[in-house]
Amino acid sequence: MTVHAATTTYTATAQVFHWLTATIVLSLIPIGLVMGHVEREPWASILYNLHRSLGALLIPVVALRLTWRLTHTPPPLPAGIPLLQRHAASATHFALYILLIVQPILGWVATSAYRAPITIFWLFELPPIWPQNRALSERLFGVHWLVGLMLATLICAHVGAALHHQFIRRDGLLLRMWSGRTA
């Protein structure tokens, strides 16, 4: 069944925020998975520094993105999308925003409690935002890892839904965030 295509796209600003966020997060996840298993220097330090830098960069990017989203109504979903899918899309987007806010702050608190430096792209250091507490840090890093898995799972669902709309439903939904074109 072919559903009528979406006739509007997200603004260019919303698209930039989306793809910038996606690029940062899709870089953070594999770096985060690998960095704890690399023991050779300088690679371990480089990966940790890059992960912390990208995580810190994610905080203002998501804050600006969320501000934009709250002040600019997104284009409506195509009329043929069932109510359950609409609710699932809303819930997924809401959860993604929450986790994108919580995850980098959780990493900053955990790293602060560990007292590891957070050097941003080898340029400057962020101050610790939590007193030193190694036991708490270890627990928070465990939560950080679980939140990362939840984010990865939601991202897979988000990408899977976009591909489903593009190739199965053929309703042009993917193109709303892809370019300035309408489907």
C-alpha atoms as a PDB file:
ATOM      1  CA  MET A   1       0.000   0.000   0.000  1.00  0.00           C
ATOM      2  CA  THR A   2       1.432   3.354  -0.991  1.00  0.00           C
ATOM      3  CA  VAL A   3       0.509   6.265   1.232  1.00  0.00           C
ATOM      4  CA  HIS A   4       0.566   9.878   0.063  1.00  0.00           C
ATOM      5  CA  ALA A   5       3.991  11.381   0.491  1.00  0.00           C
ATOM      6  CA  ALA A   6       4.856  13.922   3.123  1.00  0.00           C
ATOM      7  CA  THR A   7       4.576  17.358   1.590  1.00  0.00           C
ATOM      8  CA  THR A   8       6.750  19.297   4.010  1.00  0.00           C
ATOM      9  CA  THR A   9      10.238  18.968   5.356  1.00  0.00           C
ATOM     10  CA  TYR A  10      11.954  19.963   8.538  1.00  0.00           C
ATOM     11  CA  THR A  11      13.682  23.336   8.452  1.00  0.00           C
ATOM     12  CA  ALA A  12      17.319  23.428   7.397  1.00  0.00           C
ATOM     13  CA  THR A  13      18.232  24.318  10.996  1.00  0.00           C
ATOM     14  CA  ALA A  14      16.373  21.284  12.357  1.00  0.00           C
ATOM     15  CA  GLN A  15      18.071  19.090   9.757  1.00  0.00           C
ATOM     16  CA  VAL A  16      21.526  20.402  10.712  1.00  0.00           C
ATOM     17  CA  PHE A  17      20.814  19.765  14.411  1.00  0.00           C
ATOM     18  CA  HIS A  18      19.522  16.261  13.613  1.00  0.00           C
ATOM     19  CA  TRP A  19      22.483  15.204  11.490  1.00  0.00           C
ATOM     20  CA  LEU A  20      25.054  16.879  13.759  1.00  0.00           C
ATOM     21  CA  THR A  21      23.550  15.046  16.755  1.00  0.00           C
ATOM     22  CA  ALA A  22      23.485  11.784  14.787  1.00  0.00           C
ATOM     23  CA  THR A  23      27.126  12.196  13.724  1.00  0.00           C
ATOM     24  CA  ILE A  24      28.276  12.910  17.274  1.00  0.00           C
ATOM     25  CA  VAL A  25      26.284  10.064  18.852  1.00  0.00           C
ATOM     26  CA  LEU A  26      27.170   7.555  16.132  1.00  0.00           C
ATOM     27  CA  SER A  27      30.825   8.419  16.794  1.00  0.00           C
ATOM     28  CA  LEU A  28      30.488   8.266  20.584  1.00  0.00           C
ATOM     29  CA  ILE A  29      28.969   4.789  20.699  1.00  0.00           C
ATOM     30  CA  PRO A  30      31.765   2.836  18.965  1.00  0.00           C
ATOM     31  CA  ILE A  31      34.478   4.921  20.647  1.00  0.00           C
ATOM     32  CA  GLY A  32      32.821   4.211  24.004  1.00  0.00           C
ATOM     33  CA  LEU A  33      32.688   0.493  23.271  1.00  0.00           C
ATOM     34  CA  VAL A  34      36.330   0.305  22.191  1.00  0.00           C
ATOM     35  CA  MET A  35      38.128   2.729  24.521  1.00  0.00           C
ATOM     36  CA  GLY A  36      37.947   0.541  27.625  1.00  0.00           C
ATOM     37  CA  HIS A  37      39.612  -2.323  25.778  1.00  0.00           C
ATOM     38  CA  VAL A  38      42.564  -0.401  24.363  1.00  0.00           C
ATOM     39  CA  GLU A  39      45.543  -0.576  26.711  1.00  0.00           C
ATOM     40  CA  ARG A  40      48.283   0.815  24.484  1.00  0.00           C
ATOM     41  CA  GLU A  41      49.173   4.444  24.845  1.00  0.00           C
ATOM     42  CA  PRO A  42      48.702   6.897  23.266  1.00  0.00           C
ATOM     43  CA  TRP A  43      45.609   5.267  21.718  1.00  0.00           C
ATOM     44  CA  ALA A  44      43.759   4.767  24.993  1.00  0.00           C
ATOM     45  CA  SER A  45      44.205   8.422  25.986  1.00  0.00           C
ATOM     46  CA  ILE A  46      43.224   9.603  22.514  1.00  0.00           C
ATOM     47  CA  LEU A  47      40.012   7.560  22.564  1.00  0.00           C
ATOM     48  CA  TYR A  48      39.068   8.683  26.087  1.00  0.00           C
ATOM     49  CA  ASN A  49      39.797  12.314  25.211  1.00  0.00           C
ATOM     50  CA  LEU A  50      37.798  12.087  22.001  1.00  0.00           C
ATOM     51  CA  HIS A  51      34.857  10.405  23.765  1.00  0.00           C
ATOM     52  CA  ARG A  52      34.808  13.029  26.520  1.00  0.00           C
ATOM     53  CA  SER A  53      35.193  15.863  24.003  1.00  0.00           C
ATOM     54  CA  LEU A  54      32.340  14.649  21.815  1.00  0.00           C
ATOM     55  CA  GLY A  55      30.187  14.023  24.895  1.00  0.00           C
ATOM     56  CA  ALA A  56      30.810  17.571  26.108  1.00  0.00           C
ATOM     57  CA  LEU A  57      30.040  18.909  22.622  1.00  0.00           C
ATOM     58  CA  LEU A  58      26.759  17.008  22.671  1.00  0.00           C
ATOM     59  CA  ILE A  59      25.493  19.035  25.665  1.00  0.00           C
ATOM     60  CA  PRO A  60      25.210  22.423  23.891  1.00  0.00           C
ATOM     61  CA  VAL A  61      24.190  20.814  20.594  1.00  0.00           C
ATOM     62  CA  VAL A  62      21.270  18.989  22.235  1.00  0.00           C
ATOM     63  CA  ALA A  63      20.354  22.063  24.299  1.00  0.00           C
ATOM     64  CA  LEU A  64      20.195  24.194  21.143  1.00  0.00           C
ATOM     65  CA  ARG A  65      18.396  21.443  19.256  1.00  0.00           C
ATOM     66  CA  LEU A  66      15.801  21.052  21.988  1.00  0.00           C
ATOM     67  CA  THR A  67      15.304  24.830  22.167  1.00  0.00           C
ATOM     68  CA  TRP A  68      14.765  24.888  18.403  1.00  0.00           C
ATOM     69  CA  ARG A  69      12.360  21.949  18.581  1.00  0.00           C
ATOM     70  CA  LEU A  70      10.302  23.539  21.373  1.00  0.00           C
ATOM     71  CA  THR A  71      10.003  26.820  19.444  1.00  0.00           C
ATOM     72  CA  HIS A  72       9.400  25.397  15.944  1.00  0.00           C
ATOM     73  CA  THR A  73       6.581  22.985  15.196  1.00  0.00           C
ATOM     74  CA  PRO A  74       7.770  19.962  13.201  1.00  0.00           C
ATOM     75  CA  PRO A  75       6.000  19.092   9.969  1.00  0.00           C
ATOM     76  CA  PRO A  76       2.956  16.878  10.456  1.00  0.00           C
ATOM     77  CA  LEU A  77       3.172  13.163   9.869  1.00  0.00           C
ATOM     78  CA  PRO A  78       1.466  11.897   6.729  1.00  0.00           C
ATOM     79  CA  ALA A  79      -2.243  11.260   7.295  1.00  0.00           C
ATOM     80  CA  GLY A  80      -2.003   7.526   6.579  1.00  0.00           C
ATOM     81  CA  ILE A  81       0.210   6.696   9.548  1.00  0.00           C
ATOM     82  CA  PRO A  82      -1.733   4.618  12.112  1.00  0.00           C
ATOM     83  CA  LEU A  83      -2.318   6.052  15.588  1.00  0.00           C
ATOM     84  CA  LEU A  84      -0.160   3.398  17.265  1.00  0.00           C
ATOM     85  CA  GLN A  85       2.805   4.286  15.039  1.00  0.00           C
ATOM     86  CA  ARG A  86       2.255   7.996  15.779  1.00  0.00           C
ATOM     87  CA  HIS A  87       2.379   7.286  19.505  1.00  0.00           C
ATOM     88  CA  ALA A  88       5.445   5.070  19.082  1.00  0.00           C
ATOM     89  CA  ALA A  89       7.199   7.822  17.123  1.00  0.00           C
ATOM     90  CA  SER A  90       6.372  10.418  19.781  1.00  0.00           C
ATOM     91  CA  ALA A  91       7.495   8.149  22.611  1.00  0.00           C
ATOM     92  CA  THR A  92      10.737   7.274  20.806  1.00  0.00           C
ATOM     93  CA  HIS A  93      11.557  10.920  20.072  1.00  0.00           C
ATOM     94  CA  PHE A  94      10.774  11.903  23.669  1.00  0.00           C
ATOM     95  CA  ALA A  95      12.975   9.102  25.038  1.00  0.00           C
ATOM     96  CA  LEU A  96      15.799   9.998  22.653  1.00  0.00           C
ATOM     97  CA  TYR A  97      15.740  13.634  23.798  1.00  0.00           C
ATOM     98  CA  ILE A  98      15.724  12.630  27.478  1.00  0.00           C
ATOM     99  CA  LEU A  99      18.628  10.210  27.033  1.00  0.00           C
ATOM    100  CA  LEU A 100      20.584  12.682  24.888  1.00  0.00           C
ATOM    101  CA  ILE A 101      20.344  15.158  27.766  1.00  0.00           C
ATOM    102  CA  VAL A 102      21.015  12.686  30.581  1.00  0.00           C
ATOM    103  CA  GLN A 103      23.854  10.680  29.003  1.00  0.00           C
ATOM    104  CA  PRO A 104      26.542  13.356  28.556  1.00  0.00           C
ATOM    105  CA  ILE A 105      25.768  14.945  31.935  1.00  0.00           C
ATOM    106  CA  LEU A 106      25.953  11.508  33.554  1.00  0.00           C
ATOM    107  CA  GLY A 107      29.342  10.981  31.878  1.00  0.00           C
ATOM    108  CA  TRP A 108      30.553  14.373  33.135  1.00  0.00           C
ATOM    109  CA  VAL A 109      29.443  13.615  36.715  1.00  0.00           C
ATOM    110  CA  ALA A 110      30.986  10.119  36.628  1.00  0.00           C
ATOM    111  CA  THR A 111      34.261  11.413  35.215  1.00  0.00           C
ATOM    112  CA  SER A 112      34.290  14.236  37.760  1.00  0.00           C
ATOM    113  CA  ALA A 113      33.726  11.790  40.614  1.00  0.00           C
ATOM    114  CA  TYR A 114      36.566   9.662  39.246  1.00  0.00           C
ATOM    115  CA  ARG A 115      38.708  12.810  38.955  1.00  0.00           C
ATOM    116  CA  ALA A 116      39.849  12.117  35.425  1.00  0.00           C
ATOM    117  CA  PRO A 117      40.504  15.279  33.430  1.00  0.00           C
ATOM    118  CA  ILE A 118      37.982  16.254  30.772  1.00  0.00           C
ATOM    119  CA  THR A 119      40.137  17.946  28.171  1.00  0.00           C
ATOM    120  CA  ILE A 120      38.049  19.180  25.258  1.00  0.00           C
ATOM    121  CA  PHE A 121      39.734  18.412  21.935  1.00  0.00           C
ATOM    122  CA  TRP A 122      43.135  18.997  23.581  1.00  0.00           C
ATOM    123  CA  LEU A 123      42.291  22.713  23.956  1.00  0.00           C
ATOM    124  CA  PHE A 124      40.931  23.309  27.458  1.00  0.00           C
ATOM    125  CA  GLU A 125      39.721  21.391  30.484  1.00  0.00           C
ATOM    126  CA  LEU A 126      36.189  21.291  31.871  1.00  0.00           C
ATOM    127  CA  PRO A 127      35.938  21.664  35.638  1.00  0.00           C
ATOM    128  CA  PRO A 128      34.725  18.726  37.719  1.00  0.00           C
ATOM    129  CA  ILE A 129      31.069  19.082  38.686  1.00  0.00           C
ATOM    130  CA  TRP A 130      31.018  16.449  41.433  1.00  0.00           C
ATOM    131  CA  PRO A 131      33.225  15.736  44.450  1.00  0.00           C
ATOM    132  CA  GLN A 132      35.705  12.908  44.110  1.00  0.00           C
ATOM    133  CA  ASN A 133      34.076   9.573  44.939  1.00  0.00           C
ATOM    134  CA  ARG A 134      35.507   6.562  43.099  1.00  0.00           C
ATOM    135  CA  ALA A 135      32.804   4.137  44.311  1.00  0.00           C
ATOM    136  CA  LEU A 136      30.047   6.419  43.050  1.00  0.00           C
ATOM    137  CA  SER A 137      31.972   6.982  39.841  1.00  0.00           C
ATOM    138  CA  GLU A 138      32.125   3.253  39.115  1.00  0.00           C
ATOM    139  CA  ARG A 139      28.357   2.909  39.653  1.00  0.00           C
ATOM    140  CA  LEU A 140      27.656   5.945  37.477  1.00  0.00           C
ATOM    141  CA  PHE A 141      29.857   4.593  34.691  1.00  0.00           C
ATOM    142  CA  GLY A 142      27.784   1.400  34.847  1.00  0.00           C
ATOM    143  CA  VAL A 143      24.606   3.458  34.462  1.00  0.00           C
ATOM    144  CA  HIS A 144      26.288   5.466  31.679  1.00  0.00           C
ATOM    145  CA  TRP A 145      26.986   2.200  29.853  1.00  0.00           C
ATOM    146  CA  LEU A 146      23.344   1.057  30.262  1.00  0.00           C
ATOM    147  CA  VAL A 147      22.009   4.404  29.055  1.00  0.00           C
ATOM    148  CA  GLY A 148      24.347   4.075  26.061  1.00  0.00           C
ATOM    149  CA  LEU A 149      22.789   0.689  25.271  1.00  0.00           C
ATOM    150  CA  MET A 150      19.308   2.191  25.595  1.00  0.00           C
ATOM    151  CA  LEU A 151      20.311   5.021  23.261  1.00  0.00           C
ATOM    152  CA  ALA A 152      21.754   2.573  20.735  1.00  0.00           C
ATOM    153  CA  THR A 153      18.545   0.512  20.888  1.00  0.00           C
ATOM    154  CA  LEU A 154      16.328   3.569  20.370  1.00  0.00           C
ATOM    155  CA  ILE A 155      18.542   4.757  17.512  1.00  0.00           C
ATOM    156  CA  CYS A 156      18.180   1.360  15.832  1.00  0.00           C
ATOM    157  CA  ALA A 157      14.402   1.584  16.242  1.00  0.00           C
ATOM    158  CA  HIS A 158      14.418   5.153  14.884  1.00  0.00           C
ATOM    159  CA  VAL A 159      16.535   4.230  11.854  1.00  0.00           C
ATOM    160  CA  GLY A 160      14.518   1.040  11.306  1.00  0.00           C
ATOM    161  CA  ALA A 161      11.262   3.005  11.338  1.00  0.00           C
ATOM    162  CA  ALA A 162      12.669   5.573   8.893  1.00  0.00           C
ATOM    163  CA  LEU A 163      13.792   2.789   6.540  1.00  0.00           C
ATOM    164  CA  HIS A 164      10.408   1.053   6.918  1.00  0.00           C
ATOM    165  CA  HIS A 165       8.671   4.261   5.855  1.00  0.00           C
ATOM    166  CA  GLN A 166      11.065   4.777   2.960  1.00  0.00           C
ATOM    167  CA  PHE A 167      11.143   1.272   1.501  1.00  0.00           C
ATOM    168  CA  ILE A 168       8.001  -0.517   2.735  1.00  0.00           C
ATOM    169  CA  ARG A 169       5.367   2.192   3.181  1.00  0.00           C
ATOM    170  CA  ARG A 170       6.972   4.469   0.575  1.00  0.00           C
ATOM    171  CA  ASP A 171       5.396   7.511   2.155  1.00  0.00           C
ATOM    172  CA  GLY A 172       8.398   9.848   1.819  1.00  0.00           C
ATOM    173  CA  LEU A 173       8.781  10.316   5.561  1.00  0.00           C
ATOM    174  CA  LEU A 174      12.566   9.891   5.439  1.00  0.00           C
ATOM    175  CA  LEU A 175      12.956  12.748   2.979  1.00  0.00           C
ATOM    176  CA  ARG A 176      11.555  15.227   5.506  1.00  0.00           C
ATOM    177  CA  MET A 177      14.868  15.102   7.377  1.00  0.00           C
ATOM    178  CA  TRP A 178      17.111  14.324   4.457  1.00  0.00           C
ATOM    179  CA  SER A 179      17.033  17.403   2.262  1.00  0.00           C
ATOM    180  CA  GLY A 180      15.113  20.490   1.288  1.00  0.00           C
ATOM    181  CA  ARG A 181      13.082  18.424  -1.142  1.00  0.00           C
ATOM    182  CA  THR A 182       9.588  17.255  -0.586  1.00  0.00           C
ATOM    183  CA  ALA A 183       8.801  13.649  -1.305  1.00  0.00           C
END
